[in-house]
Amino acid sequence: MSTILELPKELDLKLEQIAISEKKPKFAIIQESLDFYIKQKLNFKSPFELGRKLFGRNGSGRGDLSVNAESILRKRLNAKKHS
């Protein structure tokens, strides 16, 4: 199967420079580039997916920290002051 591709002049010049330096035809560089791009897109994982196994791993056991963080911190600081 073939696809016709029209590149902006500046991009085509850069591609030509790379093709010359690597001694490869331009179509080979385009194929490699597309292959790399598609693999990256298909294997993309969000930051959440990458860290999923780590989140909550060393948790405090408290489910209210995000809601009550300020009051919890205040209580701990007061306890240190009075000890």
PDB file of N, CA and C in Angstrom:
ATOM      1  N   MET A   1       0.850  -1.170   0.000  1.00  0.00           N
ATOM      2  CA  MET A   1       0.000   0.000   0.000  1.00  0.00           C
ATOM      3  C   MET A   1       0.893   1.230   0.000  1.00  0.00           C
ATOM      4  N   SER A   2       0.468   2.251  -0.693  1.00  0.00           N
ATOM      5  CA  SER A   2       1.269   3.477  -0.724  1.00  0.00           C
ATOM      6  C   SER A   2       0.437   4.648  -0.232  1.00  0.00           C
ATOM      7  N   THR A   3       1.143   5.616   0.308  1.00  0.00           N
ATOM      8  CA  THR A   3       0.528   6.843   0.796  1.00  0.00           C
ATOM      9  C   THR A   3       1.337   8.006   0.264  1.00  0.00           C
ATOM     10  N   ILE A   4       0.655   8.997  -0.236  1.00  0.00           N
ATOM     11  CA  ILE A   4       1.343  10.185  -0.715  1.00  0.00           C
ATOM     12  C   ILE A   4       1.413  11.173   0.432  1.00  0.00           C
ATOM     13  N   LEU A   5       2.589  11.719   0.615  1.00  0.00           N
ATOM     14  CA  LEU A   5       2.828  12.610   1.744  1.00  0.00           C
ATOM     15  C   LEU A   5       3.467  13.893   1.239  1.00  0.00           C
ATOM     16  N   GLU A   6       2.860  15.018   1.566  1.00  0.00           N
ATOM     17  CA  GLU A   6       3.433  16.305   1.185  1.00  0.00           C
ATOM     18  C   GLU A   6       3.950  16.980   2.452  1.00  0.00           C
ATOM     19  N   LEU A   7       5.233  17.272   2.444  1.00  0.00           N
ATOM     20  CA  LEU A   7       5.866  17.874   3.606  1.00  0.00           C
ATOM     21  C   LEU A   7       6.133  19.354   3.353  1.00  0.00           C
ATOM     22  N   PRO A   8       6.090  20.154   4.408  1.00  0.00           N
ATOM     23  CA  PRO A   8       6.527  21.539   4.254  1.00  0.00           C
ATOM     24  C   PRO A   8       8.002  21.555   3.843  1.00  0.00           C
ATOM     25  N   LYS A   9       8.383  22.555   3.082  1.00  0.00           N
ATOM     26  CA  LYS A   9       9.737  22.617   2.525  1.00  0.00           C
ATOM     27  C   LYS A   9      10.816  22.492   3.604  1.00  0.00           C
ATOM     28  N   GLU A  10      10.643  23.218   4.714  1.00  0.00           N
ATOM     29  CA  GLU A  10      11.646  23.200   5.782  1.00  0.00           C
ATOM     30  C   GLU A  10      11.813  21.783   6.355  1.00  0.00           C
ATOM     31  N   LEU A  11      10.708  21.090   6.567  1.00  0.00           N
ATOM     32  CA  LEU A  11      10.761  19.729   7.103  1.00  0.00           C
ATOM     33  C   LEU A  11      11.405  18.779   6.092  1.00  0.00           C
ATOM     34  N   ASP A  12      11.084  18.968   4.819  1.00  0.00           N
ATOM     35  CA  ASP A  12      11.668  18.125   3.777  1.00  0.00           C
ATOM     36  C   ASP A  12      13.179  18.331   3.701  1.00  0.00           C
ATOM     37  N   LEU A  13      13.640  19.561   3.874  1.00  0.00           N
ATOM     38  CA  LEU A  13      15.079  19.828   3.857  1.00  0.00           C
ATOM     39  C   LEU A  13      15.785  19.146   5.031  1.00  0.00           C
ATOM     40  N   LYS A  14      15.171  19.207   6.194  1.00  0.00           N
ATOM     41  CA  LYS A  14      15.749  18.543   7.366  1.00  0.00           C
ATOM     42  C   LYS A  14      15.792  17.031   7.152  1.00  0.00           C
ATOM     43  N   LEU A  15      14.716  16.501   6.599  1.00  0.00           N
ATOM     44  CA  LEU A  15      14.655  15.063   6.312  1.00  0.00           C
ATOM     45  C   LEU A  15      15.745  14.680   5.318  1.00  0.00           C
ATOM     46  N   GLU A  16      15.939  15.506   4.306  1.00  0.00           N
ATOM     47  CA  GLU A  16      16.982  15.261   3.303  1.00  0.00           C
ATOM     48  C   GLU A  16      18.361  15.233   3.952  1.00  0.00           C
ATOM     49  N   GLN A  17      18.632  16.156   4.873  1.00  0.00           N
ATOM     50  CA  GLN A  17      19.928  16.208   5.568  1.00  0.00           C
ATOM     51  C   GLN A  17      20.157  14.931   6.371  1.00  0.00           C
ATOM     52  N   ILE A  18      19.119  14.477   7.060  1.00  0.00           N
ATOM     53  CA  ILE A  18      19.247  13.251   7.858  1.00  0.00           C
ATOM     54  C   ILE A  18      19.451  12.044   6.945  1.00  0.00           C
ATOM     55  N   ALA A  19      18.712  12.009   5.849  1.00  0.00           N
ATOM     56  CA  ALA A  19      18.841  10.896   4.903  1.00  0.00           C
ATOM     57  C   ALA A  19      20.266  10.809   4.355  1.00  0.00           C
ATOM     58  N   ILE A  20      20.830  11.950   4.043  1.00  0.00           N
ATOM     59  CA  ILE A  20      22.210  11.966   3.533  1.00  0.00           C
ATOM     60  C   ILE A  20      23.188  11.520   4.613  1.00  0.00           C
ATOM     61  N   SER A  21      23.034  12.045   5.826  1.00  0.00           N
ATOM     62  CA  SER A  21      23.986  11.707   6.889  1.00  0.00           C
ATOM     63  C   SER A  21      23.887  10.242   7.308  1.00  0.00           C
ATOM     64  N   GLU A  22      22.700   9.662   7.217  1.00  0.00           N
ATOM     65  CA  GLU A  22      22.528   8.259   7.603  1.00  0.00           C
ATOM     66  C   GLU A  22      22.615   7.298   6.417  1.00  0.00           C
ATOM     67  N   LYS A  23      22.781   7.883   5.228  1.00  0.00           N
ATOM     68  CA  LYS A  23      22.863   7.077   3.993  1.00  0.00           C
ATOM     69  C   LYS A  23      21.657   6.153   3.852  1.00  0.00           C
ATOM     70  N   LYS A  24      20.477   6.740   4.049  1.00  0.00           N
ATOM     71  CA  LYS A  24      19.214   6.007   3.928  1.00  0.00           C
ATOM     72  C   LYS A  24      18.281   6.813   3.041  1.00  0.00           C
ATOM     73  N   PRO A  25      17.374   6.138   2.368  1.00  0.00           N
ATOM     74  CA  PRO A  25      16.368   6.889   1.615  1.00  0.00           C
ATOM     75  C   PRO A  25      15.385   7.573   2.573  1.00  0.00           C
ATOM     76  N   LYS A  26      14.822   8.674   2.117  1.00  0.00           N
ATOM     77  CA  LYS A  26      13.898   9.435   2.965  1.00  0.00           C
ATOM     78  C   LYS A  26      12.715   8.565   3.417  1.00  0.00           C
ATOM     79  N   PHE A  27      12.209   7.710   2.522  1.00  0.00           N
ATOM     80  CA  PHE A  27      11.051   6.896   2.898  1.00  0.00           C
ATOM     81  C   PHE A  27      11.371   5.962   4.067  1.00  0.00           C
ATOM     82  N   ALA A  28      12.629   5.494   4.153  1.00  0.00           N
ATOM     83  CA  ALA A  28      13.014   4.594   5.250  1.00  0.00           C
ATOM     84  C   ALA A  28      12.988   5.348   6.581  1.00  0.00           C
ATOM     85  N   ILE A  29      13.438   6.596   6.559  1.00  0.00           N
ATOM     86  CA  ILE A  29      13.434   7.402   7.783  1.00  0.00           C
ATOM     87  C   ILE A  29      11.999   7.718   8.194  1.00  0.00           C
ATOM     88  N   ILE A  30      11.159   8.010   7.222  1.00  0.00           N
ATOM     89  CA  ILE A  30       9.744   8.279   7.516  1.00  0.00           C
ATOM     90  C   ILE A  30       9.084   7.029   8.100  1.00  0.00           C
ATOM     91  N   GLN A  31       9.369   5.867   7.531  1.00  0.00           N
ATOM     92  CA  GLN A  31       8.797   4.618   8.059  1.00  0.00           C
ATOM     93  C   GLN A  31       9.250   4.369   9.492  1.00  0.00           C
ATOM     94  N   GLU A  32      10.543   4.534   9.755  1.00  0.00           N
ATOM     95  CA  GLU A  32      11.058   4.342  11.120  1.00  0.00           C
ATOM     96  C   GLU A  32      10.402   5.314  12.094  1.00  0.00           C
ATOM     97  N   SER A  33      10.270   6.544  11.653  1.00  0.00           N
ATOM     98  CA  SER A  33       9.672   7.570  12.511  1.00  0.00           C
ATOM     99  C   SER A  33       8.225   7.254  12.831  1.00  0.00           C
ATOM    100  N   LEU A  34       7.465   6.862  11.818  1.00  0.00           N
ATOM    101  CA  LEU A  34       6.052   6.520  12.042  1.00  0.00           C
ATOM    102  C   LEU A  34       5.913   5.284  12.918  1.00  0.00           C
ATOM    103  N   ASP A  35       6.782   4.313  12.692  1.00  0.00           N
ATOM    104  CA  ASP A  35       6.738   3.101  13.509  1.00  0.00           C
ATOM    105  C   ASP A  35       6.983   3.438  14.974  1.00  0.00           C
ATOM    106  N   PHE A  36       7.998   4.256  15.238  1.00  0.00           N
ATOM    107  CA  PHE A  36       8.303   4.687  16.603  1.00  0.00           C
ATOM    108  C   PHE A  36       7.128   5.449  17.207  1.00  0.00           C
ATOM    109  N   TYR A  37       6.580   6.392  16.460  1.00  0.00           N
ATOM    110  CA  TYR A  37       5.459   7.218  16.930  1.00  0.00           C
ATOM    111  C   TYR A  37       4.246   6.362  17.276  1.00  0.00           C
ATOM    112  N   ILE A  38       3.914   5.442  16.398  1.00  0.00           N
ATOM    113  CA  ILE A  38       2.740   4.592  16.628  1.00  0.00           C
ATOM    114  C   ILE A  38       2.944   3.682  17.830  1.00  0.00           C
ATOM    115  N   LYS A  39       4.138   3.123  17.983  1.00  0.00           N
ATOM    116  CA  LYS A  39       4.419   2.280  19.156  1.00  0.00           C
ATOM    117  C   LYS A  39       4.289   3.078  20.439  1.00  0.00           C
ATOM    118  N   GLN A  40       4.787   4.318  20.438  1.00  0.00           N
ATOM    119  CA  GLN A  40       4.675   5.177  21.618  1.00  0.00           C
ATOM    120  C   GLN A  40       3.209   5.438  21.954  1.00  0.00           C
ATOM    121  N   LYS A  41       2.413   5.737  20.946  1.00  0.00           N
ATOM    122  CA  LYS A  41       0.994   6.039  21.163  1.00  0.00           C
ATOM    123  C   LYS A  41       0.235   4.814  21.669  1.00  0.00           C
ATOM    124  N   LEU A  42       0.530   3.646  21.119  1.00  0.00           N
ATOM    125  CA  LEU A  42      -0.182   2.434  21.513  1.00  0.00           C
ATOM    126  C   LEU A  42       0.210   1.971  22.908  1.00  0.00           C
ATOM    127  N   ASN A  43       1.427   2.272  23.327  1.00  0.00           N
ATOM    128  CA  ASN A  43       1.905   1.847  24.643  1.00  0.00           C
ATOM    129  C   ASN A  43       1.844   2.960  25.674  1.00  0.00           C
ATOM    130  N   PHE A  44       1.181   4.049  25.346  1.00  0.00           N
ATOM    131  CA  PHE A  44       1.123   5.197  26.243  1.00  0.00           C
ATOM    132  C   PHE A  44       0.436   4.834  27.552  1.00  0.00           C
ATOM    133  N   LYS A  45       1.044   5.233  28.635  1.00  0.00           N
ATOM    134  CA  LYS A  45       0.440   5.058  29.951  1.00  0.00           C
ATOM    135  C   LYS A  45       0.459   6.420  30.642  1.00  0.00           C
ATOM    136  N   SER A  46      -0.659   6.764  31.234  1.00  0.00           N
ATOM    137  CA  SER A  46      -0.743   8.038  31.942  1.00  0.00           C
ATOM    138  C   SER A  46       0.121   7.969  33.199  1.00  0.00           C
ATOM    139  N   PRO A  47       0.468   9.128  33.761  1.00  0.00           N
ATOM    140  CA  PRO A  47       1.240   9.119  35.017  1.00  0.00           C
ATOM    141  C   PRO A  47       0.535   8.310  36.108  1.00  0.00           C
ATOM    142  N   PHE A  48      -0.787   8.366  36.150  1.00  0.00           N
ATOM    143  CA  PHE A  48      -1.517   7.590  37.155  1.00  0.00           C
ATOM    144  C   PHE A  48      -1.307   6.096  36.934  1.00  0.00           C
ATOM    145  N   GLU A  49      -1.406   5.648  35.676  1.00  0.00           N
ATOM    146  CA  GLU A  49      -1.217   4.223  35.384  1.00  0.00           C
ATOM    147  C   GLU A  49       0.201   3.765  35.733  1.00  0.00           C
ATOM    148  N   LEU A  50       1.192   4.625  35.472  1.00  0.00           N
ATOM    149  CA  LEU A  50       2.572   4.269  35.796  1.00  0.00           C
ATOM    150  C   LEU A  50       2.804   4.126  37.293  1.00  0.00           C
ATOM    151  N   GLY A  51       2.116   4.926  38.100  1.00  0.00           N
ATOM    152  CA  GLY A  51       2.325   4.896  39.542  1.00  0.00           C
ATOM    153  C   GLY A  51       1.281   4.135  40.324  1.00  0.00           C
ATOM    154  N   ARG A  52       0.325   3.532  39.635  1.00  0.00           N
ATOM    155  CA  ARG A  52      -0.799   2.861  40.302  1.00  0.00           C
ATOM    156  C   ARG A  52      -0.361   1.909  41.409  1.00  0.00           C
ATOM    157  N   LYS A  53       0.696   1.123  41.166  1.00  0.00           N
ATOM    158  CA  LYS A  53       1.143   0.140  42.165  1.00  0.00           C
ATOM    159  C   LYS A  53       1.761   0.803  43.391  1.00  0.00           C
ATOM    160  N   LEU A  54       2.207   2.041  43.227  1.00  0.00           N
ATOM    161  CA  LEU A  54       2.879   2.723  44.325  1.00  0.00           C
ATOM    162  C   LEU A  54       1.931   3.552  45.185  1.00  0.00           C
ATOM    163  N   PHE A  55       0.823   3.995  44.619  1.00  0.00           N
ATOM    164  CA  PHE A  55      -0.097   4.855  45.353  1.00  0.00           C
ATOM    165  C   PHE A  55      -0.732   4.108  46.515  1.00  0.00           C
ATOM    166  N   GLY A  56      -0.632   4.684  47.688  1.00  0.00           N
ATOM    167  CA  GLY A  56      -1.238   4.097  48.876  1.00  0.00           C
ATOM    168  C   GLY A  56      -0.480   2.918  49.439  1.00  0.00           C
ATOM    169  N   ARG A  57       0.638   2.608  48.862  1.00  0.00           N
ATOM    170  CA  ARG A  57       1.418   1.438  49.284  1.00  0.00           C
ATOM    171  C   ARG A  57       1.878   1.551  50.729  1.00  0.00           C
ATOM    172  N   ASN A  58       2.288   2.719  51.120  1.00  0.00           N
ATOM    173  CA  ASN A  58       2.743   2.941  52.492  1.00  0.00           C
ATOM    174  C   ASN A  58       1.778   3.883  53.193  1.00  0.00           C
ATOM    175  N   GLY A  59       0.525   3.618  53.009  1.00  0.00           N
ATOM    176  CA  GLY A  59      -0.512   4.507  53.522  1.00  0.00           C
ATOM    177  C   GLY A  59      -0.589   4.558  55.034  1.00  0.00           C
ATOM    178  N   SER A  60      -1.260   5.574  55.503  1.00  0.00           N
ATOM    179  CA  SER A  60      -1.411   5.799  56.938  1.00  0.00           C
ATOM    180  C   SER A  60      -2.563   4.986  57.518  1.00  0.00           C
ATOM    181  N   GLY A  61      -3.412   4.477  56.626  1.00  0.00           N
ATOM    182  CA  GLY A  61      -4.585   3.763  57.109  1.00  0.00           C
ATOM    183  C   GLY A  61      -5.753   4.699  57.365  1.00  0.00           C
ATOM    184  N   ARG A  62      -5.513   5.986  57.178  1.00  0.00           N
ATOM    185  CA  ARG A  62      -6.569   6.979  57.379  1.00  0.00           C
ATOM    186  C   ARG A  62      -7.123   7.384  56.027  1.00  0.00           C
ATOM    187  N   GLY A  63      -8.408   7.319  55.891  1.00  0.00           N
ATOM    188  CA  GLY A  63      -9.039   7.700  54.638  1.00  0.00           C
ATOM    189  C   GLY A  63      -9.444   9.150  54.580  1.00  0.00           C
ATOM    190  N   ASP A  64      -9.164   9.908  55.638  1.00  0.00           N
ATOM    191  CA  ASP A  64      -9.624  11.301  55.704  1.00  0.00           C
ATOM    192  C   ASP A  64      -8.493  12.320  55.553  1.00  0.00           C
ATOM    193  N   LEU A  65      -7.315  11.895  55.195  1.00  0.00           N
ATOM    194  CA  LEU A  65      -6.182  12.817  55.161  1.00  0.00           C
ATOM    195  C   LEU A  65      -6.359  13.955  54.163  1.00  0.00           C
ATOM    196  N   SER A  66      -6.901  13.664  53.018  1.00  0.00           N
ATOM    197  CA  SER A  66      -7.039  14.733  52.021  1.00  0.00           C
ATOM    198  C   SER A  66      -8.082  15.759  52.440  1.00  0.00           C
ATOM    199  N   VAL A  67      -9.044  15.346  53.214  1.00  0.00           N
ATOM    200  CA  VAL A  67     -10.106  16.252  53.645  1.00  0.00           C
ATOM    201  C   VAL A  67      -9.726  16.995  54.923  1.00  0.00           C
ATOM    202  N   ASN A  68      -9.052  16.305  55.837  1.00  0.00           N
ATOM    203  CA  ASN A  68      -8.764  16.876  57.153  1.00  0.00           C
ATOM    204  C   ASN A  68      -7.280  17.123  57.414  1.00  0.00           C
ATOM    205  N   ALA A  69      -6.498  17.274  56.383  1.00  0.00           N
ATOM    206  CA  ALA A  69      -5.041  17.408  56.551  1.00  0.00           C
ATOM    207  C   ALA A  69      -4.681  18.577  57.456  1.00  0.00           C
ATOM    208  N   GLU A  70      -5.330  19.693  57.259  1.00  0.00           N
ATOM    209  CA  GLU A  70      -4.990  20.889  58.044  1.00  0.00           C
ATOM    210  C   GLU A  70      -5.264  20.687  59.533  1.00  0.00           C
ATOM    211  N   SER A  71      -6.423  20.157  59.883  1.00  0.00           N
ATOM    212  CA  SER A  71      -6.744  19.967  61.301  1.00  0.00           C
ATOM    213  C   SER A  71      -5.873  18.877  61.931  1.00  0.00           C
ATOM    214  N   ILE A  72      -5.547  17.838  61.179  1.00  0.00           N
ATOM    215  CA  ILE A  72      -4.675  16.775  61.682  1.00  0.00           C
ATOM    216  C   ILE A  72      -3.289  17.347  61.987  1.00  0.00           C
ATOM    217  N   LEU A  73      -2.777  18.164  61.065  1.00  0.00           N
ATOM    218  CA  LEU A  73      -1.470  18.782  61.264  1.00  0.00           C
ATOM    219  C   LEU A  73      -1.490  19.712  62.477  1.00  0.00           C
ATOM    220  N   ARG A  74      -2.532  20.502  62.605  1.00  0.00           N
ATOM    221  CA  ARG A  74      -2.662  21.419  63.731  1.00  0.00           C
ATOM    222  C   ARG A  74      -2.646  20.649  65.052  1.00  0.00           C
ATOM    223  N   LYS A  75      -3.376  19.538  65.123  1.00  0.00           N
ATOM    224  CA  LYS A  75      -3.415  18.719  66.343  1.00  0.00           C
ATOM    225  C   LYS A  75      -2.034  18.168  66.679  1.00  0.00           C
ATOM    226  N   ARG A  76      -1.317  17.705  65.659  1.00  0.00           N
ATOM    227  CA  ARG A  76       0.014  17.150  65.900  1.00  0.00           C
ATOM    228  C   ARG A  76       0.985  18.215  66.379  1.00  0.00           C
ATOM    229  N   LEU A  77       0.898  19.396  65.785  1.00  0.00           N
ATOM    230  CA  LEU A  77       1.785  20.496  66.215  1.00  0.00           C
ATOM    231  C   LEU A  77       1.470  20.922  67.648  1.00  0.00           C
ATOM    232  N   ASN A  78       0.204  20.994  67.985  1.00  0.00           N
ATOM    233  CA  ASN A  78      -0.187  21.350  69.353  1.00  0.00           C
ATOM    234  C   ASN A  78       0.292  20.295  70.338  1.00  0.00           C
ATOM    235  N   ALA A  79       0.204  19.032  69.959  1.00  0.00           N
ATOM    236  CA  ALA A  79       0.643  17.958  70.838  1.00  0.00           C
ATOM    237  C   ALA A  79       2.147  18.055  71.094  1.00  0.00           C
ATOM    238  N   LYS A  80       2.911  18.429  70.068  1.00  0.00           N
ATOM    239  CA  LYS A  80       4.370  18.576  70.244  1.00  0.00           C
ATOM    240  C   LYS A  80       4.686  19.766  71.144  1.00  0.00           C
ATOM    241  N   LYS A  81       3.918  20.833  71.017  1.00  0.00           N
ATOM    242  CA  LYS A  81       4.142  22.022  71.842  1.00  0.00           C
ATOM    243  C   LYS A  81       3.965  21.696  73.311  1.00  0.00           C
ATOM    244  N   HIS A  82       2.950  20.901  73.612  1.00  0.00           N
ATOM    245  CA  HIS A  82       2.594  20.607  74.997  1.00  0.00           C
ATOM    246  C   HIS A  82       3.307  19.385  75.576  1.00  0.00           C
ATOM    247  N   SER A  83       4.171  18.797  74.820  1.00  0.00           N
ATOM    248  CA  SER A  83       4.882  17.629  75.359  1.00  0.00           C
ATOM    249  C   SER A  83       6.256  17.968  75.856  1.00  0.00           C
TER     250      SER A  83
END
